[in-house]
Amino acid sequence: MTEIPSPLPGTFYQKPAPDQPPFKATGDAVAADDTIGLVEVMKTFIEVKAEVTGSFAGYIAEDAAPVQAGDPLAKVK
């Protein structure tokens, strides 16, 4: 199991927009360059990439939660 860490401090979002589904659902295939979420810092949204290939095991961080650099955001099997 691989944890995907936050690249920087900010607010983590599981969805591209409030009215859209999360980037990944449990069991989805994940490629190394897939976006799994966004971290917002001062109105700038940074894509969080998986960097590994596997099966999405779920989010660790809640949607719209504050995170610090290195905090685990999601898991990939």
Protein backbone atom coordinates (compact mmCIF):
# COMPACT_ATOMS: atom_id res chain seq x y z
CA MET A 1 0.00 0.00 0.00
CA THR A 2 1.39 3.40 -1.00
CA GLU A 3 0.26 6.66 0.57
CA ILE A 4 0.12 9.78 -1.59
CA PRO A 5 1.40 12.77 0.42
CA SER A 6 0.43 16.40 0.14
CA PRO A 7 3.09 18.30 -1.82
CA LEU A 8 2.52 21.48 0.22
CA PRO A 9 0.35 22.95 2.98
CA GLY A 10 -3.13 24.17 2.05
CA THR A 11 -6.69 22.89 1.69
CA PHE A 12 -7.21 19.47 0.09
CA TYR A 13 -10.09 18.83 -2.29
CA GLN A 14 -11.14 15.37 -3.51
CA LYS A 15 -13.28 16.87 -6.33
CA PRO A 16 -12.51 19.20 -9.25
CA ALA A 17 -15.62 21.28 -8.31
CA PRO A 18 -18.20 21.09 -5.49
CA ASP A 19 -20.90 19.73 -7.81
CA GLN A 20 -18.69 17.01 -9.37
CA PRO A 21 -17.71 13.53 -8.16
CA PRO A 22 -14.29 12.85 -6.61
CA PHE A 23 -11.31 12.38 -8.93
CA LYS A 24 -11.09 8.69 -7.91
CA ALA A 25 -13.39 6.13 -6.28
CA THR A 26 -12.26 3.08 -4.32
CA GLY A 27 -11.26 0.35 -6.77
CA ASP A 28 -10.54 2.69 -9.69
CA ALA A 29 -7.39 2.04 -11.72
CA VAL A 30 -4.63 4.57 -11.06
CA ALA A 31 -1.83 5.46 -13.46
CA ALA A 32 1.36 7.19 -12.35
CA ASP A 33 0.31 10.62 -13.70
CA ASP A 34 -3.37 10.57 -12.65
CA THR A 35 -4.72 13.50 -10.64
CA ILE A 36 -6.24 12.31 -7.36
CA GLY A 37 -7.02 15.69 -5.82
CA LEU A 38 -6.21 19.38 -5.52
CA VAL A 39 -4.43 21.42 -2.86
CA GLU A 40 -5.44 25.07 -2.75
CA VAL A 41 -2.92 27.64 -1.58
CA MET A 42 -3.87 31.33 -1.72
CA LYS A 43 -6.53 30.80 -4.43
CA THR A 44 -4.14 28.70 -6.55
CA PHE A 45 -5.06 25.04 -7.13
CA ILE A 46 -2.19 22.54 -7.40
CA GLU A 47 -2.95 19.09 -8.85
CA VAL A 48 -1.88 16.15 -6.68
CA LYS A 49 -0.58 13.32 -8.90
CA ALA A 50 -0.54 9.64 -7.92
CA GLU A 51 3.10 8.97 -9.02
CA VAL A 52 2.39 5.20 -8.73
CA THR A 53 0.33 2.69 -10.69
CA GLY A 54 -2.25 0.45 -9.02
CA SER A 55 -5.76 0.38 -7.63
CA PHE A 56 -7.20 3.32 -5.68
CA ALA A 57 -7.70 2.25 -2.05
CA GLY A 58 -9.40 5.43 -0.83
CA TYR A 59 -8.90 8.91 0.52
CA ILE A 60 -7.30 9.46 3.91
CA ALA A 61 -7.79 13.24 4.09
CA GLU A 62 -11.34 14.58 4.22
CA ASP A 63 -12.63 16.79 1.41
CA ALA A 64 -11.95 20.51 2.06
CA ALA A 65 -9.66 19.66 5.00
CA PRO A 66 -6.55 21.66 5.88
CA VAL A 67 -3.35 19.68 5.26
CA GLN A 68 0.37 20.13 5.82
CA ALA A 69 3.17 19.19 3.43
CA GLY A 70 3.75 15.44 3.72
CA ASP A 71 0.33 14.62 5.19
CA PRO A 72 -1.12 11.44 3.62
CA LEU A 73 -4.03 12.25 1.29
CA ALA A 74 -4.93 8.91 -0.29
CA LYS A 75 -3.83 5.27 -0.64
CA VAL A 76 -3.02 3.19 -3.73
CA LYS A 77 -2.63 -0.62 -3.70
